[in-house]
Amino acid sequence: MPVVRIEMFAGRDAETKQKLVREMTDSMARLTGCSPESVSVIITDVPKENWGLGGELASTKFPDK
């Protein structure tokens, strides 16, 4: 049972996440030969203030507009 883990900045809507889950599932099934039903996709939304890049918080580097 393949598991795909995705960590990304919080803020994407459910429709975008659904598309991401579908694409990741289809790709994993196609590339590994497993059934789509056996693929799990776990999305972890991480607030920008909890993500560091190059010694800075992402919330500082990429402030919301």
PDB file of N, CA and C in Angstrom:
ATOM      1  N   MET A   1       0.841  -1.177   0.000  1.00  0.00           N
ATOM      2  CA  MET A   1       0.000   0.000   0.000  1.00  0.00           C
ATOM      3  C   MET A   1       0.886   1.240   0.000  1.00  0.00           C
ATOM      4  N   PRO A   2       1.034   1.902  -1.134  1.00  0.00           N
ATOM      5  CA  PRO A   2       1.849   3.116  -1.179  1.00  0.00           C
ATOM      6  C   PRO A   2       1.199   4.264  -0.406  1.00  0.00           C
ATOM      7  N   VAL A   3       2.043   5.032   0.257  1.00  0.00           N
ATOM      8  CA  VAL A   3       1.586   6.228   0.960  1.00  0.00           C
ATOM      9  C   VAL A   3       2.368   7.412   0.407  1.00  0.00           C
ATOM     10  N   VAL A   4       1.647   8.429  -0.034  1.00  0.00           N
ATOM     11  CA  VAL A   4       2.255   9.668  -0.521  1.00  0.00           C
ATOM     12  C   VAL A   4       2.002  10.719   0.545  1.00  0.00           C
ATOM     13  N   ARG A   5       3.073  11.321   1.048  1.00  0.00           N
ATOM     14  CA  ARG A   5       2.951  12.375   2.061  1.00  0.00           C
ATOM     15  C   ARG A   5       3.332  13.705   1.425  1.00  0.00           C
ATOM     16  N   ILE A   6       2.467  14.675   1.601  1.00  0.00           N
ATOM     17  CA  ILE A   6       2.689  15.999   1.039  1.00  0.00           C
ATOM     18  C   ILE A   6       2.614  17.007   2.169  1.00  0.00           C
ATOM     19  N   GLU A   7       3.672  17.777   2.329  1.00  0.00           N
ATOM     20  CA  GLU A   7       3.666  18.873   3.287  1.00  0.00           C
ATOM     21  C   GLU A   7       3.762  20.151   2.480  1.00  0.00           C
ATOM     22  N   MET A   8       2.845  21.082   2.758  1.00  0.00           N
ATOM     23  CA  MET A   8       2.826  22.328   2.010  1.00  0.00           C
ATOM     24  C   MET A   8       2.261  23.435   2.887  1.00  0.00           C
ATOM     25  N   PHE A   9       2.493  24.665   2.447  1.00  0.00           N
ATOM     26  CA  PHE A   9       1.950  25.803   3.183  1.00  0.00           C
ATOM     27  C   PHE A   9       0.434  25.681   3.265  1.00  0.00           C
ATOM     28  N   ALA A  10      -0.111  26.031   4.391  1.00  0.00           N
ATOM     29  CA  ALA A  10      -1.562  26.034   4.581  1.00  0.00           C
ATOM     30  C   ALA A  10      -2.193  27.101   3.697  1.00  0.00           C
ATOM     31  N   GLY A  11      -3.452  26.875   3.355  1.00  0.00           N
ATOM     32  CA  GLY A  11      -4.191  27.916   2.649  1.00  0.00           C
ATOM     33  C   GLY A  11      -4.860  27.480   1.356  1.00  0.00           C
ATOM     34  N   ARG A  12      -4.603  26.279   0.899  1.00  0.00           N
ATOM     35  CA  ARG A  12      -5.248  25.840  -0.338  1.00  0.00           C
ATOM     36  C   ARG A  12      -6.645  25.310  -0.046  1.00  0.00           C
ATOM     37  N   ASP A  13      -7.545  25.508  -0.991  1.00  0.00           N
ATOM     38  CA  ASP A  13      -8.931  25.097  -0.779  1.00  0.00           C
ATOM     39  C   ASP A  13      -9.113  23.601  -1.046  1.00  0.00           C
ATOM     40  N   ALA A  14     -10.279  23.094  -0.657  1.00  0.00           N
ATOM     41  CA  ALA A  14     -10.570  21.663  -0.777  1.00  0.00           C
ATOM     42  C   ALA A  14     -10.561  21.206  -2.228  1.00  0.00           C
ATOM     43  N   GLU A  15     -11.008  22.038  -3.147  1.00  0.00           N
ATOM     44  CA  GLU A  15     -11.011  21.665  -4.565  1.00  0.00           C
ATOM     45  C   GLU A  15      -9.587  21.433  -5.078  1.00  0.00           C
ATOM     46  N   THR A  16      -8.680  22.302  -4.708  1.00  0.00           N
ATOM     47  CA  THR A  16      -7.279  22.150  -5.108  1.00  0.00           C
ATOM     48  C   THR A  16      -6.684  20.883  -4.505  1.00  0.00           C
ATOM     49  N   LYS A  17      -6.981  20.627  -3.235  1.00  0.00           N
ATOM     50  CA  LYS A  17      -6.473  19.420  -2.583  1.00  0.00           C
ATOM     51  C   LYS A  17      -7.048  18.170  -3.226  1.00  0.00           C
ATOM     52  N   GLN A  18      -8.313  18.198  -3.609  1.00  0.00           N
ATOM     53  CA  GLN A  18      -8.923  17.043  -4.272  1.00  0.00           C
ATOM     54  C   GLN A  18      -8.207  16.749  -5.585  1.00  0.00           C
ATOM     55  N   LYS A  19      -7.899  17.794  -6.356  1.00  0.00           N
ATOM     56  CA  LYS A  19      -7.168  17.613  -7.618  1.00  0.00           C
ATOM     57  C   LYS A  19      -5.780  17.026  -7.360  1.00  0.00           C
ATOM     58  N   LEU A  20      -5.114  17.520  -6.325  1.00  0.00           N
ATOM     59  CA  LEU A  20      -3.793  17.027  -5.971  1.00  0.00           C
ATOM     60  C   LEU A  20      -3.848  15.547  -5.591  1.00  0.00           C
ATOM     61  N   VAL A  21      -4.821  15.182  -4.781  1.00  0.00           N
ATOM     62  CA  VAL A  21      -4.981  13.781  -4.369  1.00  0.00           C
ATOM     63  C   VAL A  21      -5.243  12.897  -5.583  1.00  0.00           C
ATOM     64  N   ARG A  22      -6.089  13.332  -6.478  1.00  0.00           N
ATOM     65  CA  ARG A  22      -6.398  12.548  -7.685  1.00  0.00           C
ATOM     66  C   ARG A  22      -5.150  12.365  -8.535  1.00  0.00           C
ATOM     67  N   GLU A  23      -4.403  13.445  -8.784  1.00  0.00           N
ATOM     68  CA  GLU A  23      -3.196  13.368  -9.622  1.00  0.00           C
ATOM     69  C   GLU A  23      -2.126  12.477  -8.990  1.00  0.00           C
ATOM     70  N   MET A  24      -1.913  12.632  -7.690  1.00  0.00           N
ATOM     71  CA  MET A  24      -0.908  11.819  -7.003  1.00  0.00           C
ATOM     72  C   MET A  24      -1.309  10.346  -7.011  1.00  0.00           C
ATOM     73  N   THR A  25      -2.582  10.077  -6.789  1.00  0.00           N
ATOM     74  CA  THR A  25      -3.079   8.702  -6.802  1.00  0.00           C
ATOM     75  C   THR A  25      -2.903   8.080  -8.177  1.00  0.00           C
ATOM     76  N   ASP A  26      -3.335   8.789  -9.202  1.00  0.00           N
ATOM     77  CA  ASP A  26      -3.216   8.259 -10.567  1.00  0.00           C
ATOM     78  C   ASP A  26      -1.763   8.018 -10.955  1.00  0.00           C
ATOM     79  N   SER A  27      -0.895   8.949 -10.619  1.00  0.00           N
ATOM     80  CA  SER A  27       0.525   8.799 -10.962  1.00  0.00           C
ATOM     81  C   SER A  27       1.161   7.631 -10.229  1.00  0.00           C
ATOM     82  N   MET A  28       0.898   7.518  -8.943  1.00  0.00           N
ATOM     83  CA  MET A  28       1.473   6.425  -8.156  1.00  0.00           C
ATOM     84  C   MET A  28       0.989   5.071  -8.682  1.00  0.00           C
ATOM     85  N   ALA A  29      -0.298   4.972  -8.956  1.00  0.00           N
ATOM     86  CA  ALA A  29      -0.840   3.710  -9.461  1.00  0.00           C
ATOM     87  C   ALA A  29      -0.226   3.364 -10.819  1.00  0.00           C
ATOM     88  N   ARG A  30      -0.118   4.343 -11.686  1.00  0.00           N
ATOM     89  CA  ARG A  30       0.442   4.102 -13.017  1.00  0.00           C
ATOM     90  C   ARG A  30       1.913   3.693 -12.932  1.00  0.00           C
ATOM     91  N   LEU A  31       2.678   4.383 -12.123  1.00  0.00           N
ATOM     92  CA  LEU A  31       4.122   4.138 -12.066  1.00  0.00           C
ATOM     93  C   LEU A  31       4.494   2.866 -11.310  1.00  0.00           C
ATOM     94  N   THR A  32       3.701   2.489 -10.326  1.00  0.00           N
ATOM     95  CA  THR A  32       4.049   1.315  -9.519  1.00  0.00           C
ATOM     96  C   THR A  32       3.242   0.073  -9.880  1.00  0.00           C
ATOM     97  N   GLY A  33       2.184   0.249 -10.667  1.00  0.00           N
ATOM     98  CA  GLY A  33       1.362  -0.885 -11.044  1.00  0.00           C
ATOM     99  C   GLY A  33       0.366  -1.318  -9.985  1.00  0.00           C
ATOM    100  N   CYS A  34       0.203  -0.530  -8.947  1.00  0.00           N
ATOM    101  CA  CYS A  34      -0.769  -0.876  -7.908  1.00  0.00           C
ATOM    102  C   CYS A  34      -2.142  -0.317  -8.295  1.00  0.00           C
ATOM    103  N   SER A  35      -3.139  -0.698  -7.545  1.00  0.00           N
ATOM    104  CA  SER A  35      -4.479  -0.175  -7.814  1.00  0.00           C
ATOM    105  C   SER A  35      -4.620   1.214  -7.166  1.00  0.00           C
ATOM    106  N   PRO A  36      -5.405   2.093  -7.774  1.00  0.00           N
ATOM    107  CA  PRO A  36      -5.637   3.404  -7.168  1.00  0.00           C
ATOM    108  C   PRO A  36      -6.229   3.293  -5.758  1.00  0.00           C
ATOM    109  N   GLU A  37      -7.027   2.259  -5.534  1.00  0.00           N
ATOM    110  CA  GLU A  37      -7.650   2.084  -4.213  1.00  0.00           C
ATOM    111  C   GLU A  37      -6.634   1.799  -3.110  1.00  0.00           C
ATOM    112  N   SER A  38      -5.451   1.340  -3.484  1.00  0.00           N
ATOM    113  CA  SER A  38      -4.450   1.022  -2.467  1.00  0.00           C
ATOM    114  C   SER A  38      -3.552   2.214  -2.119  1.00  0.00           C
ATOM    115  N   VAL A  39      -3.699   3.317  -2.822  1.00  0.00           N
ATOM    116  CA  VAL A  39      -2.852   4.495  -2.606  1.00  0.00           C
ATOM    117  C   VAL A  39      -3.477   5.407  -1.559  1.00  0.00           C
ATOM    118  N   SER A  40      -2.686   5.770  -0.565  1.00  0.00           N
ATOM    119  CA  SER A  40      -3.103   6.765   0.429  1.00  0.00           C
ATOM    120  C   SER A  40      -2.311   8.036   0.190  1.00  0.00           C
ATOM    121  N   VAL A  41      -2.990   9.169   0.261  1.00  0.00           N
ATOM    122  CA  VAL A  41      -2.341  10.473   0.139  1.00  0.00           C
ATOM    123  C   VAL A  41      -2.652  11.248   1.410  1.00  0.00           C
ATOM    124  N   ILE A  42      -1.608  11.692   2.078  1.00  0.00           N
ATOM    125  CA  ILE A  42      -1.764  12.441   3.321  1.00  0.00           C
ATOM    126  C   ILE A  42      -1.217  13.840   3.101  1.00  0.00           C
ATOM    127  N   ILE A  43      -2.081  14.835   3.270  1.00  0.00           N
ATOM    128  CA  ILE A  43      -1.671  16.232   3.111  1.00  0.00           C
ATOM    129  C   ILE A  43      -1.554  16.859   4.495  1.00  0.00           C
ATOM    130  N   THR A  44      -0.423  17.446   4.771  1.00  0.00           N
ATOM    131  CA  THR A  44      -0.216  18.171   6.010  1.00  0.00           C
ATOM    132  C   THR A  44      -0.066  19.646   5.669  1.00  0.00           C
ATOM    133  N   ASP A  45      -1.014  20.457   6.158  1.00  0.00           N
ATOM    134  CA  ASP A  45      -0.933  21.900   5.976  1.00  0.00           C
ATOM    135  C   ASP A  45      -0.058  22.475   7.079  1.00  0.00           C
ATOM    136  N   VAL A  46       0.979  23.174   6.688  1.00  0.00           N
ATOM    137  CA  VAL A  46       1.909  23.747   7.654  1.00  0.00           C
ATOM    138  C   VAL A  46       1.810  25.274   7.581  1.00  0.00           C
ATOM    139  N   PRO A  47       1.504  25.929   8.690  1.00  0.00           N
ATOM    140  CA  PRO A  47       1.500  27.386   8.682  1.00  0.00           C
ATOM    141  C   PRO A  47       2.891  27.918   8.331  1.00  0.00           C
ATOM    142  N   LYS A  48       2.932  29.008   7.588  1.00  0.00           N
ATOM    143  CA  LYS A  48       4.222  29.572   7.165  1.00  0.00           C
ATOM    144  C   LYS A  48       5.127  29.911   8.340  1.00  0.00           C
ATOM    145  N   GLU A  49       4.532  30.255   9.471  1.00  0.00           N
ATOM    146  CA  GLU A  49       5.376  30.592  10.632  1.00  0.00           C
ATOM    147  C   GLU A  49       6.011  29.363  11.261  1.00  0.00           C
ATOM    148  N   ASN A  50       5.634  28.168  10.800  1.00  0.00           N
ATOM    149  CA  ASN A  50       6.234  26.925  11.292  1.00  0.00           C
ATOM    150  C   ASN A  50       7.155  26.283  10.274  1.00  0.00           C
ATOM    151  N   TRP A  51       7.544  27.024   9.241  1.00  0.00           N
ATOM    152  CA  TRP A  51       8.371  26.479   8.159  1.00  0.00           C
ATOM    153  C   TRP A  51       9.545  27.420   7.955  1.00  0.00           C
ATOM    154  N   GLY A  52      10.748  26.893   8.046  1.00  0.00           N
ATOM    155  CA  GLY A  52      11.944  27.711   7.846  1.00  0.00           C
ATOM    156  C   GLY A  52      12.611  27.413   6.515  1.00  0.00           C
ATOM    157  N   LEU A  53      13.085  28.442   5.863  1.00  0.00           N
ATOM    158  CA  LEU A  53      13.797  28.322   4.583  1.00  0.00           C
ATOM    159  C   LEU A  53      15.019  29.226   4.626  1.00  0.00           C
ATOM    160  N   GLY A  54      16.181  28.648   4.476  1.00  0.00           N
ATOM    161  CA  GLY A  54      17.399  29.454   4.436  1.00  0.00           C
ATOM    162  C   GLY A  54      17.615  30.311   5.666  1.00  0.00           C
ATOM    163  N   GLY A  55      17.208  29.812   6.821  1.00  0.00           N
ATOM    164  CA  GLY A  55      17.429  30.543   8.064  1.00  0.00           C
ATOM    165  C   GLY A  55      16.363  31.567   8.387  1.00  0.00           C
ATOM    166  N   GLU A  56      15.315  31.631   7.587  1.00  0.00           N
ATOM    167  CA  GLU A  56      14.217  32.574   7.833  1.00  0.00           C
ATOM    168  C   GLU A  56      12.895  31.827   7.874  1.00  0.00           C
ATOM    169  N   LEU A  57      11.953  32.385   8.597  1.00  0.00           N
ATOM    170  CA  LEU A  57      10.608  31.832   8.558  1.00  0.00           C
ATOM    171  C   LEU A  57       9.987  32.135   7.206  1.00  0.00           C
ATOM    172  N   ALA A  58       9.244  31.173   6.703  1.00  0.00           N
ATOM    173  CA  ALA A  58       8.567  31.377   5.422  1.00  0.00           C
ATOM    174  C   ALA A  58       7.568  32.524   5.509  1.00  0.00           C
ATOM    175  N   SER A  59       7.012  32.770   6.688  1.00  0.00           N
ATOM    176  CA  SER A  59       6.063  33.877   6.855  1.00  0.00           C
ATOM    177  C   SER A  59       6.745  35.226   6.649  1.00  0.00           C
ATOM    178  N   THR A  60       8.045  35.291   6.894  1.00  0.00           N
ATOM    179  CA  THR A  60       8.803  36.515   6.647  1.00  0.00           C
ATOM    180  C   THR A  60       9.204  36.597   5.183  1.00  0.00           C
ATOM    181  N   LYS A  61       9.653  35.481   4.650  1.00  0.00           N
ATOM    182  CA  LYS A  61      10.100  35.441   3.251  1.00  0.00           C
ATOM    183  C   LYS A  61       8.956  35.617   2.264  1.00  0.00           C
ATOM    184  N   PHE A  62       7.822  35.033   2.589  1.00  0.00           N
ATOM    185  CA  PHE A  62       6.653  35.052   1.694  1.00  0.00           C
ATOM    186  C   PHE A  62       5.419  35.537   2.442  1.00  0.00           C
ATOM    187  N   PRO A  63       5.374  36.810   2.796  1.00  0.00           N
ATOM    188  CA  PRO A  63       4.210  37.307   3.538  1.00  0.00           C
ATOM    189  C   PRO A  63       2.942  37.209   2.673  1.00  0.00           C
ATOM    190  N   ASP A  64       1.835  36.975   3.346  1.00  0.00           N
ATOM    191  CA  ASP A  64       0.551  36.934   2.622  1.00  0.00           C
ATOM    192  C   ASP A  64       0.276  38.288   2.003  1.00  0.00           C
ATOM    193  N   LYS A  65      -0.380  38.232   0.882  1.00  0.00           N
ATOM    194  CA  LYS A  65      -0.699  39.474   0.182  1.00  0.00           C
ATOM    195  C   LYS A  65      -2.070  39.927   0.495  1.00  0.00           C
TER     196      LYS A  65
END
